[in-house]
PDB file of N, CA and C in Angstrom:
ATOM      1  N   MET A   1     -62.719 -19.951  22.570  1.00  0.00           N
ATOM      2  CA  MET A   1     -63.651 -18.853  22.522  1.00  0.00           C
ATOM      3  C   MET A   1     -64.180 -18.616  23.954  1.00  0.00           C
ATOM      4  N   THR A   2     -64.146 -17.367  24.390  1.00  0.00           N
ATOM      5  CA  THR A   2     -64.630 -17.049  25.721  1.00  0.00           C
ATOM      6  C   THR A   2     -66.154 -17.135  25.769  1.00  0.00           C
ATOM      7  N   THR A   3     -66.718 -17.178  26.969  1.00  0.00           N
ATOM      8  CA  THR A   3     -68.153 -17.198  27.113  1.00  0.00           C
ATOM      9  C   THR A   3     -68.756 -15.942  26.500  1.00  0.00           C
ATOM     10  N   ALA A   4     -68.139 -14.782  26.750  1.00  0.00           N
ATOM     11  CA  ALA A   4     -68.661 -13.531  26.188  1.00  0.00           C
ATOM     12  C   ALA A   4     -68.638 -13.595  24.672  1.00  0.00           C
ATOM     13  N   GLU A   5     -67.552 -14.087  24.077  1.00  0.00           N
ATOM     14  CA  GLU A   5     -67.469 -14.181  22.610  1.00  0.00           C
ATOM     15  C   GLU A   5     -68.500 -15.150  22.076  1.00  0.00           C
ATOM     16  N   ALA A   6     -68.737 -16.256  22.776  1.00  0.00           N
ATOM     17  CA  ALA A   6     -69.732 -17.227  22.344  1.00  0.00           C
ATOM     18  C   ALA A   6     -71.138 -16.605  22.320  1.00  0.00           C
ATOM     19  N   VAL A   7     -71.436 -15.752  23.296  1.00  0.00           N
ATOM     20  CA  VAL A   7     -72.730 -15.084  23.332  1.00  0.00           C
ATOM     21  C   VAL A   7     -72.852 -14.160  22.116  1.00  0.00           C
ATOM     22  N   VAL A   8     -71.808 -13.409  21.822  1.00  0.00           N
ATOM     23  CA  VAL A   8     -71.815 -12.476  20.694  1.00  0.00           C
ATOM     24  C   VAL A   8     -71.983 -13.247  19.392  1.00  0.00           C
ATOM     25  N   VAL A   9     -71.224 -14.304  19.208  1.00  0.00           N
ATOM     26  CA  VAL A   9     -71.280 -15.075  17.975  1.00  0.00           C
ATOM     27  C   VAL A   9     -72.689 -15.680  17.779  1.00  0.00           C
ATOM     28  N   ASP A  10     -73.261 -16.178  18.837  1.00  0.00           N
ATOM     29  CA  ASP A  10     -74.605 -16.746  18.746  1.00  0.00           C
ATOM     30  C   ASP A  10     -75.605 -15.698  18.244  1.00  0.00           C
ATOM     31  N   VAL A  11     -75.604 -14.509  18.865  1.00  0.00           N
ATOM     32  CA  VAL A  11     -76.546 -13.463  18.471  1.00  0.00           C
ATOM     33  C   VAL A  11     -76.244 -12.972  17.080  1.00  0.00           C
ATOM     34  N   LEU A  12     -74.980 -12.699  16.775  1.00  0.00           N
ATOM     35  CA  LEU A  12     -74.647 -12.159  15.451  1.00  0.00           C
ATOM     36  C   LEU A  12     -74.807 -13.191  14.335  1.00  0.00           C
ATOM     37  N   ASP A  13     -74.663 -14.463  14.612  1.00  0.00           N
ATOM     38  CA  ASP A  13     -74.959 -15.469  13.583  1.00  0.00           C
ATOM     39  C   ASP A  13     -76.460 -15.431  13.237  1.00  0.00           C
ATOM     40  N   ARG A  14     -77.318 -15.263  14.257  1.00  0.00           N
ATOM     41  CA  ARG A  14     -78.760 -15.180  13.986  1.00  0.00           C
ATOM     42  C   ARG A  14     -79.105 -13.881  13.275  1.00  0.00           C
ATOM     43  N   TRP A  15     -78.426 -12.784  13.627  1.00  0.00           N
ATOM     44  CA  TRP A  15     -78.588 -11.465  12.951  1.00  0.00           C
ATOM     45  C   TRP A  15     -78.223 -11.599  11.485  1.00  0.00           C
ATOM     46  N   LYS A  16     -77.082 -12.187  11.198  1.00  0.00           N
ATOM     47  CA  LYS A  16     -76.620 -12.396   9.830  1.00  0.00           C
ATOM     48  C   LYS A  16     -77.600 -13.233   9.033  1.00  0.00           C
ATOM     49  N   ALA A  17     -78.070 -14.349   9.602  1.00  0.00           N
ATOM     50  CA  ALA A  17     -78.989 -15.234   8.930  1.00  0.00           C
ATOM     51  C   ALA A  17     -80.321 -14.536   8.607  1.00  0.00           C
ATOM     52  N   ALA A  18     -80.825 -13.758   9.523  1.00  0.00           N
ATOM     53  CA  ALA A  18     -82.100 -13.053   9.295  1.00  0.00           C
ATOM     54  C   ALA A  18     -81.919 -11.955   8.250  1.00  0.00           C
ATOM     55  N   ILE A  19     -80.787 -11.271   8.234  1.00  0.00           N
ATOM     56  CA  ILE A  19     -80.535 -10.274   7.193  1.00  0.00           C
ATOM     57  C   ILE A  19     -80.459 -10.944   5.831  1.00  0.00           C
ATOM     58  N   GLU A  20     -79.717 -12.011   5.720  1.00  0.00           N
ATOM     59  CA  GLU A  20     -79.548 -12.700   4.428  1.00  0.00           C
ATOM     60  C   GLU A  20     -80.880 -13.296   3.941  1.00  0.00           C
ATOM     61  N   ALA A  21     -81.751 -13.676   4.861  1.00  0.00           N
ATOM     62  CA  ALA A  21     -83.064 -14.254   4.497  1.00  0.00           C
ATOM     63  C   ALA A  21     -84.098 -13.111   4.261  1.00  0.00           C
ATOM     64  N   ARG A  22     -83.687 -11.866   4.391  1.00  0.00           N
ATOM     65  CA  ARG A  22     -84.585 -10.719   4.246  1.00  0.00           C
ATOM     66  C   ARG A  22     -85.796 -10.823   5.159  1.00  0.00           C
ATOM     67  N   GLN A  23     -85.512 -11.020   6.457  1.00  0.00           N
ATOM     68  CA  GLN A  23     -86.571 -11.128   7.477  1.00  0.00           C
ATOM     69  C   GLN A  23     -86.383  -9.999   8.501  1.00  0.00           C
ATOM     70  N   PRO A  24     -86.787  -8.792   8.132  1.00  0.00           N
ATOM     71  CA  PRO A  24     -86.545  -7.655   9.025  1.00  0.00           C
ATOM     72  C   PRO A  24     -87.172  -7.786  10.413  1.00  0.00           C
ATOM     73  N   ASP A  25     -88.324  -8.435  10.510  1.00  0.00           N
ATOM     74  CA  ASP A  25     -88.928  -8.614  11.829  1.00  0.00           C
ATOM     75  C   ASP A  25     -88.128  -9.582  12.686  1.00  0.00           C
ATOM     76  N   GLU A  26     -87.502 -10.588  12.044  1.00  0.00           N
ATOM     77  CA  GLU A  26     -86.627 -11.515  12.776  1.00  0.00           C
ATOM     78  C   GLU A  26     -85.356 -10.819  13.250  1.00  0.00           C
ATOM     79  N   VAL A  27     -84.847  -9.911  12.424  1.00  0.00           N
ATOM     80  CA  VAL A  27     -83.674  -9.114  12.844  1.00  0.00           C
ATOM     81  C   VAL A  27     -84.091  -8.289  14.061  1.00  0.00           C
ATOM     82  N   ALA A  28     -85.194  -7.568  13.962  1.00  0.00           N
ATOM     83  CA  ALA A  28     -85.653  -6.724  15.050  1.00  0.00           C
ATOM     84  C   ALA A  28     -85.898  -7.500  16.342  1.00  0.00           C
ATOM     85  N   ALA A  29     -86.321  -8.742  16.228  1.00  0.00           N
ATOM     86  CA  ALA A  29     -86.599  -9.578  17.421  1.00  0.00           C
ATOM     87  C   ALA A  29     -85.321  -9.903  18.174  1.00  0.00           C
ATOM     88  N   LEU A  30     -84.155  -9.702  17.596  1.00  0.00           N
ATOM     89  CA  LEU A  30     -82.885  -9.928  18.302  1.00  0.00           C
ATOM     90  C   LEU A  30     -82.494  -8.746  19.178  1.00  0.00           C
ATOM     91  N   PHE A  31     -83.272  -7.670  19.125  1.00  0.00           N
ATOM     92  CA  PHE A  31     -82.989  -6.457  19.873  1.00  0.00           C
ATOM     93  C   PHE A  31     -83.953  -6.306  21.035  1.00  0.00           C
ATOM     94  N   ALA A  32     -83.490  -5.675  22.127  1.00  0.00           N
ATOM     95  CA  ALA A  32     -84.328  -5.365  23.236  1.00  0.00           C
ATOM     96  C   ALA A  32     -85.428  -4.387  22.807  1.00  0.00           C
ATOM     97  N   ASP A  33     -86.545  -4.386  23.525  1.00  0.00           N
ATOM     98  CA  ASP A  33     -87.679  -3.529  23.165  1.00  0.00           C
ATOM     99  C   ASP A  33     -87.281  -2.047  23.040  1.00  0.00           C
ATOM    100  N   ASP A  34     -86.360  -1.587  23.878  1.00  0.00           N
ATOM    101  CA  ASP A  34     -85.958  -0.178  23.886  1.00  0.00           C
ATOM    102  C   ASP A  34     -84.545   0.019  23.334  1.00  0.00           C
ATOM    103  N   ALA A  35     -84.119  -0.909  22.473  1.00  0.00           N
ATOM    104  CA  ALA A  35     -82.746  -0.823  21.929  1.00  0.00           C
ATOM    105  C   ALA A  35     -82.498   0.463  21.190  1.00  0.00           C
ATOM    106  N   ILE A  36     -81.292   0.990  21.376  1.00  0.00           N
ATOM    107  CA  ILE A  36     -80.831   2.140  20.616  1.00  0.00           C
ATOM    108  C   ILE A  36     -80.096   1.571  19.416  1.00  0.00           C
ATOM    109  N   PHE A  37     -80.509   2.012  18.206  1.00  0.00           N
ATOM    110  CA  PHE A  37     -79.983   1.457  16.977  1.00  0.00           C
ATOM    111  C   PHE A  37     -79.433   2.562  16.119  1.00  0.00           C
ATOM    112  N   GLN A  38     -78.133   2.491  15.817  1.00  0.00           N
ATOM    113  CA  GLN A  38     -77.484   3.462  14.924  1.00  0.00           C
ATOM    114  C   GLN A  38     -76.830   2.682  13.779  1.00  0.00           C
ATOM    115  N   GLY A  39     -77.571   2.606  12.661  1.00  0.00           N
ATOM    116  CA  GLY A  39     -76.998   1.997  11.449  1.00  0.00           C
ATOM    117  C   GLY A  39     -76.240   3.055  10.711  1.00  0.00           C
ATOM    118  N   LEU A  40     -76.156   2.929   9.402  1.00  0.00           N
ATOM    119  CA  LEU A  40     -75.465   3.919   8.598  1.00  0.00           C
ATOM    120  C   LEU A  40     -76.359   5.084   8.208  1.00  0.00           C
ATOM    121  N   ARG A  41     -77.565   5.075   8.736  1.00  0.00           N
ATOM    122  CA  ARG A  41     -78.501   6.203   8.587  1.00  0.00           C
ATOM    123  C   ARG A  41     -78.902   6.653   9.975  1.00  0.00           C
ATOM    124  N   PRO A  42     -79.742   7.671  10.101  1.00  0.00           N
ATOM    125  CA  PRO A  42     -80.098   8.178  11.457  1.00  0.00           C
ATOM    126  C   PRO A  42     -80.592   7.090  12.403  1.00  0.00           C
ATOM    127  N   TYR A  43     -80.370   7.331  13.682  1.00  0.00           N
ATOM    128  CA  TYR A  43     -80.646   6.340  14.693  1.00  0.00           C
ATOM    129  C   TYR A  43     -82.146   6.212  14.960  1.00  0.00           C
ATOM    130  N   GLY A  44     -82.505   5.093  15.604  1.00  0.00           N
ATOM    131  CA  GLY A  44     -83.866   4.857  16.019  1.00  0.00           C
ATOM    132  C   GLY A  44     -83.870   4.099  17.335  1.00  0.00           C
ATOM    133  N   VAL A  45     -85.018   3.991  17.932  1.00  0.00           N
ATOM    134  CA  VAL A  45     -85.174   3.251  19.180  1.00  0.00           C
ATOM    135  C   VAL A  45     -86.349   2.297  19.018  1.00  0.00           C
ATOM    136  N   GLY A  46     -86.110   1.038  19.346  1.00  0.00           N
ATOM    137  CA  GLY A  46     -87.186   0.065  19.357  1.00  0.00           C
ATOM    138  C   GLY A  46     -87.326  -0.756  18.085  1.00  0.00           C
ATOM    139  N   HIS A  47     -88.152  -1.803  18.187  1.00  0.00           N
ATOM    140  CA  HIS A  47     -88.295  -2.776  17.140  1.00  0.00           C
ATOM    141  C   HIS A  47     -88.768  -2.227  15.793  1.00  0.00           C
ATOM    142  N   GLN A  48     -89.738  -1.341  15.780  1.00  0.00           N
ATOM    143  CA  GLN A  48     -90.290  -0.904  14.515  1.00  0.00           C
ATOM    144  C   GLN A  48     -89.256  -0.167  13.670  1.00  0.00           C
ATOM    145  N   GLY A  49     -88.489   0.704  14.306  1.00  0.00           N
ATOM    146  CA  GLY A  49     -87.462   1.429  13.547  1.00  0.00           C
ATOM    147  C   GLY A  49     -86.386   0.477  13.016  1.00  0.00           C
ATOM    148  N   ILE A  50     -86.065  -0.548  13.791  1.00  0.00           N
ATOM    149  CA  ILE A  50     -85.060  -1.508  13.359  1.00  0.00           C
ATOM    150  C   ILE A  50     -85.578  -2.348  12.204  1.00  0.00           C
ATOM    151  N   ALA A  51     -86.815  -2.816  12.319  1.00  0.00           N
ATOM    152  CA  ALA A  51     -87.452  -3.592  11.230  1.00  0.00           C
ATOM    153  C   ALA A  51     -87.516  -2.759   9.945  1.00  0.00           C
ATOM    154  N   ASP A  52     -87.901  -1.493  10.097  1.00  0.00           N
ATOM    155  CA  ASP A  52     -87.999  -0.612   8.911  1.00  0.00           C
ATOM    156  C   ASP A  52     -86.630  -0.407   8.270  1.00  0.00           C
ATOM    157  N   TYR A  53     -85.606  -0.262   9.087  1.00  0.00           N
ATOM    158  CA  TYR A  53     -84.231  -0.084   8.564  1.00  0.00           C
ATOM    159  C   TYR A  53     -83.851  -1.311   7.724  1.00  0.00           C
ATOM    160  N   TYR A  54     -84.040  -2.494   8.253  1.00  0.00           N
ATOM    161  CA  TYR A  54     -83.600  -3.702   7.531  1.00  0.00           C
ATOM    162  C   TYR A  54     -84.533  -4.020   6.360  1.00  0.00           C
ATOM    163  N   ALA A  55     -85.809  -3.623   6.409  1.00  0.00           N
ATOM    164  CA  ALA A  55     -86.699  -3.807   5.283  1.00  0.00           C
ATOM    165  C   ALA A  55     -86.253  -2.990   4.065  1.00  0.00           C
ATOM    166  N   GLY A  56     -85.522  -1.904   4.330  1.00  0.00           N
ATOM    167  CA  GLY A  56     -85.051  -1.029   3.277  1.00  0.00           C
ATOM    168  C   GLY A  56     -83.671  -1.417   2.709  1.00  0.00           C
ATOM    169  N   GLN A  57     -83.089  -2.487   3.206  1.00  0.00           N
ATOM    170  CA  GLN A  57     -81.784  -2.897   2.721  1.00  0.00           C
ATOM    171  C   GLN A  57     -81.921  -3.624   1.386  1.00  0.00           C
ATOM    172  N   PRO A  58     -80.905  -3.514   0.542  1.00  0.00           N
ATOM    173  CA  PRO A  58     -80.989  -4.138  -0.795  1.00  0.00           C
ATOM    174  C   PRO A  58     -80.929  -5.654  -0.719  1.00  0.00           C
ATOM    175  N   VAL A  59     -81.553  -6.268  -1.729  1.00  0.00           N
ATOM    176  CA  VAL A  59     -81.496  -7.755  -1.874  1.00  0.00           C
ATOM    177  C   VAL A  59     -80.031  -8.122  -2.045  1.00  0.00           C
ATOM    178  N   GLY A  60     -79.646  -9.201  -1.393  1.00  0.00           N
ATOM    179  CA  GLY A  60     -78.259  -9.672  -1.525  1.00  0.00           C
ATOM    180  C   GLY A  60     -77.308  -9.159  -0.489  1.00  0.00           C
ATOM    181  N   LEU A  61     -77.795  -8.353   0.457  1.00  0.00           N
ATOM    182  CA  LEU A  61     -76.947  -7.850   1.536  1.00  0.00           C
ATOM    183  C   LEU A  61     -76.496  -9.002   2.420  1.00  0.00           C
ATOM    184  N   SER A  62     -75.205  -9.058   2.730  1.00  0.00           N
ATOM    185  CA  SER A  62     -74.691 -10.098   3.606  1.00  0.00           C
ATOM    186  C   SER A  62     -73.627  -9.478   4.506  1.00  0.00           C
ATOM    187  N   PRO A  63     -73.831  -9.551   5.828  1.00  0.00           N
ATOM    188  CA  PRO A  63     -72.813  -9.044   6.760  1.00  0.00           C
ATOM    189  C   PRO A  63     -71.849 -10.168   7.138  1.00  0.00           C
ATOM    190  N   ASN A  64     -70.615 -10.004   6.793  1.00  0.00           N
ATOM    191  CA  ASN A  64     -69.572 -10.956   7.173  1.00  0.00           C
ATOM    192  C   ASN A  64     -68.741 -10.321   8.297  1.00  0.00           C
ATOM    193  N   TYR A  65     -68.770 -10.909   9.449  1.00  0.00           N
ATOM    194  CA  TYR A  65     -68.188 -10.261  10.630  1.00  0.00           C
ATOM    195  C   TYR A  65     -67.066 -11.075  11.263  1.00  0.00           C
ATOM    196  N   ARG A  66     -66.277 -10.337  12.062  1.00  0.00           N
ATOM    197  CA  ARG A  66     -65.224 -10.940  12.852  1.00  0.00           C
ATOM    198  C   ARG A  66     -65.176 -10.208  14.176  1.00  0.00           C
ATOM    199  N   VAL A  67     -65.327 -10.943  15.275  1.00  0.00           N
ATOM    200  CA  VAL A  67     -65.287 -10.333  16.602  1.00  0.00           C
ATOM    201  C   VAL A  67     -63.838  -9.948  16.908  1.00  0.00           C
ATOM    202  N   LEU A  68     -63.620  -8.662  17.249  1.00  0.00           N
ATOM    203  CA  LEU A  68     -62.271  -8.184  17.554  1.00  0.00           C
ATOM    204  C   LEU A  68     -62.001  -8.197  19.046  1.00  0.00           C
ATOM    205  N   GLU A  69     -62.985  -7.760  19.839  1.00  0.00           N
ATOM    206  CA  GLU A  69     -62.830  -7.666  21.280  1.00  0.00           C
ATOM    207  C   GLU A  69     -64.175  -7.903  21.950  1.00  0.00           C
ATOM    208  N   THR A  70     -64.153  -8.471  23.131  1.00  0.00           N
ATOM    209  CA  THR A  70     -65.333  -8.589  23.976  1.00  0.00           C
ATOM    210  C   THR A  70     -64.993  -8.213  25.390  1.00  0.00           C
ATOM    211  N   ARG A  71     -65.978  -7.711  26.093  1.00  0.00           N
ATOM    212  CA  ARG A  71     -65.848  -7.424  27.514  1.00  0.00           C
ATOM    213  C   ARG A  71     -67.155  -7.813  28.173  1.00  0.00           C
ATOM    214  N   GLN A  72     -67.049  -8.229  29.435  1.00  0.00           N
ATOM    215  CA  GLN A  72     -68.239  -8.507  30.221  1.00  0.00           C
ATOM    216  C   GLN A  72     -68.171  -7.654  31.484  1.00  0.00           C
ATOM    217  N   PRO A  73     -68.627  -6.377  31.383  1.00  0.00           N
ATOM    218  CA  PRO A  73     -68.467  -5.444  32.497  1.00  0.00           C
ATOM    219  C   PRO A  73     -69.309  -5.765  33.712  1.00  0.00           C
ATOM    220  N   ALA A  74     -70.337  -6.567  33.560  1.00  0.00           N
ATOM    221  CA  ALA A  74     -71.191  -6.935  34.699  1.00  0.00           C
ATOM    222  C   ALA A  74     -71.953  -8.230  34.316  1.00  0.00           C
ATOM    223  N   PRO A  75     -72.465  -8.921  35.318  1.00  0.00           N
ATOM    224  CA  PRO A  75     -73.264 -10.110  34.987  1.00  0.00           C
ATOM    225  C   PRO A  75     -74.446  -9.699  34.086  1.00  0.00           C
ATOM    226  N   GLY A  76     -74.695 -10.511  33.061  1.00  0.00           N
ATOM    227  CA  GLY A  76     -75.811 -10.239  32.187  1.00  0.00           C
ATOM    228  C   GLY A  76     -75.588  -9.139  31.156  1.00  0.00           C
ATOM    229  N   VAL A  77     -74.335  -8.710  31.030  1.00  0.00           N
ATOM    230  CA  VAL A  77     -74.007  -7.631  30.044  1.00  0.00           C
ATOM    231  C   VAL A  77     -72.740  -8.037  29.309  1.00  0.00           C
ATOM    232  N   VAL A  78     -72.758  -7.952  27.994  1.00  0.00           N
ATOM    233  CA  VAL A  78     -71.599  -8.225  27.151  1.00  0.00           C
ATOM    234  C   VAL A  78     -71.456  -7.117  26.131  1.00  0.00           C
ATOM    235  N   PHE A  79     -70.250  -6.618  25.968  1.00  0.00           N
ATOM    236  CA  PHE A  79     -69.948  -5.607  24.945  1.00  0.00           C
ATOM    237  C   PHE A  79     -69.032  -6.267  23.925  1.00  0.00           C
ATOM    238  N   ALA A  80     -69.241  -5.954  22.652  1.00  0.00           N
ATOM    239  CA  ALA A  80     -68.347  -6.475  21.600  1.00  0.00           C
ATOM    240  C   ALA A  80     -68.026  -5.366  20.609  1.00  0.00           C
ATOM    241  N   TYR A  81     -66.794  -5.429  20.121  1.00  0.00           N
ATOM    242  CA  TYR A  81     -66.307  -4.578  19.062  1.00  0.00           C
ATOM    243  C   TYR A  81     -66.027  -5.507  17.892  1.00  0.00           C
ATOM    244  N   VAL A  82     -66.654  -5.240  16.746  1.00  0.00           N
ATOM    245  CA  VAL A  82     -66.725  -6.210  15.634  1.00  0.00           C
ATOM    246  C   VAL A  82     -66.360  -5.504  14.311  1.00  0.00           C
ATOM    247  N   ALA A  83     -65.571  -6.158  13.490  1.00  0.00           N
ATOM    248  CA  ALA A  83     -65.325  -5.724  12.121  1.00  0.00           C
ATOM    249  C   ALA A  83     -66.365  -6.422  11.229  1.00  0.00           C
ATOM    250  N   VAL A  84     -67.022  -5.635  10.380  1.00  0.00           N
ATOM    251  CA  VAL A  84     -68.069  -6.183   9.508  1.00  0.00           C
ATOM    252  C   VAL A  84     -67.827  -5.708   8.074  1.00  0.00           C
ATOM    253  N   ASP A  85     -67.917  -6.598   7.135  1.00  0.00           N
ATOM    254  CA  ASP A  85     -67.972  -6.234   5.724  1.00  0.00           C
ATOM    255  C   ASP A  85     -69.402  -6.493   5.278  1.00  0.00           C
ATOM    256  N   PHE A  86     -70.091  -5.407   4.932  1.00  0.00           N
ATOM    257  CA  PHE A  86     -71.425  -5.546   4.362  1.00  0.00           C
ATOM    258  C   PHE A  86     -71.247  -5.719   2.861  1.00  0.00           C
ATOM    259  N   THR A  87     -71.518  -6.911   2.374  1.00  0.00           N
ATOM    260  CA  THR A  87     -71.296  -7.202   0.954  1.00  0.00           C
ATOM    261  C   THR A  87     -72.645  -7.197   0.224  1.00  0.00           C
ATOM    262  N   PHE A  88     -72.614  -6.953  -1.059  1.00  0.00           N
ATOM    263  CA  PHE A  88     -73.768  -6.842  -1.906  1.00  0.00           C
ATOM    264  C   PHE A  88     -73.535  -7.643  -3.170  1.00  0.00           C
ATOM    265  N   THR A  89     -74.602  -7.961  -3.875  1.00  0.00           N
ATOM    266  CA  THR A  89     -74.450  -8.678  -5.122  1.00  0.00           C
ATOM    267  C   THR A  89     -74.138  -7.762  -6.284  1.00  0.00           C
ATOM    268  N   ASP A  90     -74.424  -6.486  -6.137  1.00  0.00           N
ATOM    269  CA  ASP A  90     -74.343  -5.566  -7.253  1.00  0.00           C
ATOM    270  C   ASP A  90     -73.514  -4.299  -7.006  1.00  0.00           C
ATOM    271  N   ARG A  91     -72.762  -4.254  -5.914  1.00  0.00           N
ATOM    272  CA  ARG A  91     -71.971  -3.071  -5.631  1.00  0.00           C
ATOM    273  C   ARG A  91     -70.805  -3.425  -4.709  1.00  0.00           C
ATOM    274  N   THR A  92     -69.951  -2.451  -4.541  1.00  0.00           N
ATOM    275  CA  THR A  92     -68.770  -2.631  -3.689  1.00  0.00           C
ATOM    276  C   THR A  92     -69.194  -2.815  -2.223  1.00  0.00           C
ATOM    277  N   SER A  93     -68.472  -3.674  -1.514  1.00  0.00           N
ATOM    278  CA  SER A  93     -68.778  -3.883  -0.105  1.00  0.00           C
ATOM    279  C   SER A  93     -68.438  -2.677   0.732  1.00  0.00           C
ATOM    280  N   ILE A  94     -69.030  -2.607   1.912  1.00  0.00           N
ATOM    281  CA  ILE A  94     -68.797  -1.507   2.840  1.00  0.00           C
ATOM    282  C   ILE A  94     -68.148  -2.087   4.083  1.00  0.00           C
ATOM    283  N   PRO A  95     -66.853  -1.779   4.293  1.00  0.00           N
ATOM    284  CA  PRO A  95     -66.229  -2.214   5.533  1.00  0.00           C
ATOM    285  C   PRO A  95     -66.660  -1.289   6.681  1.00  0.00           C
ATOM    286  N   ALA A  96     -66.986  -1.901   7.796  1.00  0.00           N
ATOM    287  CA  ALA A  96     -67.489  -1.116   8.930  1.00  0.00           C
ATOM    288  C   ALA A  96     -67.004  -1.668  10.234  1.00  0.00           C
ATOM    289  N   LEU A  97     -67.187  -0.863  11.257  1.00  0.00           N
ATOM    290  CA  LEU A  97     -66.903  -1.275  12.643  1.00  0.00           C
ATOM    291  C   LEU A  97     -68.214  -1.186  13.405  1.00  0.00           C
ATOM    292  N   LEU A  98     -68.449  -2.198  14.252  1.00  0.00           N
ATOM    293  CA  LEU A  98     -69.710  -2.294  14.970  1.00  0.00           C
ATOM    294  C   LEU A  98     -69.438  -2.463  16.448  1.00  0.00           C
ATOM    295  N   GLY A  99     -70.130  -1.681  17.240  1.00  0.00           N
ATOM    296  CA  GLY A  99     -70.142  -1.862  18.692  1.00  0.00           C
ATOM    297  C   GLY A  99     -71.534  -2.333  19.076  1.00  0.00           C
ATOM    298  N   VAL A 100     -71.596  -3.433  19.807  1.00  0.00           N
ATOM    299  CA  VAL A 100     -72.897  -3.946  20.295  1.00  0.00           C
ATOM    300  C   VAL A 100     -72.824  -4.204  21.783  1.00  0.00           C
ATOM    301  N   LEU A 101     -73.884  -3.830  22.461  1.00  0.00           N
ATOM    302  CA  LEU A 101     -74.035  -4.119  23.870  1.00  0.00           C
ATOM    303  C   LEU A 101     -75.208  -5.102  23.969  1.00  0.00           C
ATOM    304  N   LEU A 102     -74.938  -6.260  24.530  1.00  0.00           N
ATOM    305  CA  LEU A 102     -75.937  -7.280  24.681  1.00  0.00           C
ATOM    306  C   LEU A 102     -76.331  -7.419  26.149  1.00  0.00           C
ATOM    307  N   THR A 103     -77.624  -7.664  26.379  1.00  0.00           N
ATOM    308  CA  THR A 103     -78.084  -7.856  27.745  1.00  0.00           C
ATOM    309  C   THR A 103     -78.891  -9.148  27.816  1.00  0.00           C
ATOM    310  N   ASP A 104     -78.800  -9.787  28.968  1.00  0.00           N
ATOM    311  CA  ASP A 104     -79.565 -11.008  29.215  1.00  0.00           C
ATOM    312  C   ASP A 104     -80.948 -10.610  29.725  1.00  0.00           C
ATOM    313  N   VAL A 105     -81.951 -10.847  28.924  1.00  0.00           N
ATOM    314  CA  VAL A 105     -83.337 -10.521  29.289  1.00  0.00           C
ATOM    315  C   VAL A 105     -84.109 -11.830  29.400  1.00  0.00           C
ATOM    316  N   ASP A 106     -84.462 -12.198  30.604  1.00  0.00           N
ATOM    317  CA  ASP A 106     -85.193 -13.455  30.796  1.00  0.00           C
ATOM    318  C   ASP A 106     -84.529 -14.647  30.136  1.00  0.00           C
ATOM    319  N   ASP A 107     -83.224 -14.781  30.360  1.00  0.00           N
ATOM    320  CA  ASP A 107     -82.402 -15.867  29.811  1.00  0.00           C
ATOM    321  C   ASP A 107     -82.317 -15.876  28.300  1.00  0.00           C
ATOM    322  N   ARG A 108     -82.448 -14.718  27.704  1.00  0.00           N
ATOM    323  CA  ARG A 108     -82.283 -14.564  26.259  1.00  0.00           C
ATOM    324  C   ARG A 108     -81.399 -13.352  26.026  1.00  0.00           C
ATOM    325  N   TRP A 109     -80.295 -13.521  25.285  1.00  0.00           N
ATOM    326  CA  TRP A 109     -79.409 -12.439  25.004  1.00  0.00           C
ATOM    327  C   TRP A 109     -79.972 -11.579  23.850  1.00  0.00           C
ATOM    328  N   LEU A 110     -80.133 -10.278  24.113  1.00  0.00           N
ATOM    329  CA  LEU A 110     -80.659  -9.348  23.147  1.00  0.00           C
ATOM    330  C   LEU A 110     -79.728  -8.158  23.000  1.00  0.00           C
ATOM    331  N   ILE A 111     -79.765  -7.547  21.838  1.00  0.00           N
ATOM    332  CA  ILE A 111     -78.935  -6.365  21.566  1.00  0.00           C
ATOM    333  C   ILE A 111     -79.662  -5.150  22.161  1.00  0.00           C
ATOM    334  N   ALA A 112     -79.010  -4.465  23.075  1.00  0.00           N
ATOM    335  CA  ALA A 112     -79.584  -3.271  23.707  1.00  0.00           C
ATOM    336  C   ALA A 112     -79.057  -1.986  23.036  1.00  0.00           C
ATOM    337  N   HIS A 113     -77.869  -2.073  22.483  1.00  0.00           N
ATOM    338  CA  HIS A 113     -77.298  -0.909  21.783  1.00  0.00           C
ATOM    339  C   HIS A 113     -76.491  -1.427  20.611  1.00  0.00           C
ATOM    340  N   TYR A 114     -76.647  -0.750  19.460  1.00  0.00           N
ATOM    341  CA  TYR A 114     -76.008  -1.166  18.195  1.00  0.00           C
ATOM    342  C   TYR A 114     -75.518   0.111  17.522  1.00  0.00           C
ATOM    343  N   GLN A 115     -74.234   0.218  17.287  1.00  0.00           N
ATOM    344  CA  GLN A 115     -73.709   1.380  16.577  1.00  0.00           C
ATOM    345  C   GLN A 115     -72.665   0.937  15.569  1.00  0.00           C
ATOM    346  N   VAL A 116     -72.941   1.268  14.314  1.00  0.00           N
ATOM    347  CA  VAL A 116     -72.017   0.917  13.223  1.00  0.00           C
ATOM    348  C   VAL A 116     -71.504   2.221  12.599  1.00  0.00           C
ATOM    349  N   SER A 117     -70.261   2.154  12.155  1.00  0.00           N
ATOM    350  CA  SER A 117     -69.672   3.274  11.469  1.00  0.00           C
ATOM    351  C   SER A 117     -68.758   2.745  10.373  1.00  0.00           C
ATOM    352  N   PRO A 118     -68.604   3.507   9.311  1.00  0.00           N
ATOM    353  CA  PRO A 118     -67.681   3.051   8.249  1.00  0.00           C
ATOM    354  C   PRO A 118     -66.280   2.885   8.816  1.00  0.00           C
ATOM    355  N   ALA A 119     -65.586   1.849   8.404  1.00  0.00           N
ATOM    356  CA  ALA A 119     -64.197   1.628   8.833  1.00  0.00           C
ATOM    357  C   ALA A 119     -63.310   2.690   8.177  1.00  0.00           C
ATOM    358  N   PRO A 120     -62.306   3.171   8.885  1.00  0.00           N
ATOM    359  CA  PRO A 120     -61.418   4.156   8.291  1.00  0.00           C
ATOM    360  C   PRO A 120     -60.643   3.539   7.107  1.00  0.00           C
ATOM    361  N   ALA A 121     -60.373   4.324   6.137  1.00  0.00           N
ATOM    362  CA  ALA A 121     -59.601   3.856   4.964  1.00  0.00           C
ATOM    363  C   ALA A 121     -58.144   3.550   5.390  1.00  0.00           C
ATOM    364  N   GLY A 122     -57.620   2.526   4.771  1.00  0.00           N
ATOM    365  CA  GLY A 122     -56.209   2.206   5.002  1.00  0.00           C
ATOM    366  C   GLY A 122     -56.043   1.180   5.990  1.00  0.00           C
TER     367      GLY A 122
END
């Protein structure tokens, strides 16, 4: 595993755990203060919008992810392209693709940009 991939896995493992524990404020804490967030609903900027988004997610949501590609375009910056299956206890899972840009803020990796889109069929 590359250093860039290790950074992504560390952050996304904590993201997954906070989602599964239904801790929207903990999810939001993984994002930079001015993070741009585009979930499967309209985008938002900052912690409150992110916390609100995850507070509205159904009980039993679990993101199962696989890192497809990483790049480190500059020191303190990591980009990842990730396949995610958002699974639920009571409905069909949603396969998606996720792009995340992580930045090192005071020796802590945070998500600065998050964009998810449904995976194409087939």
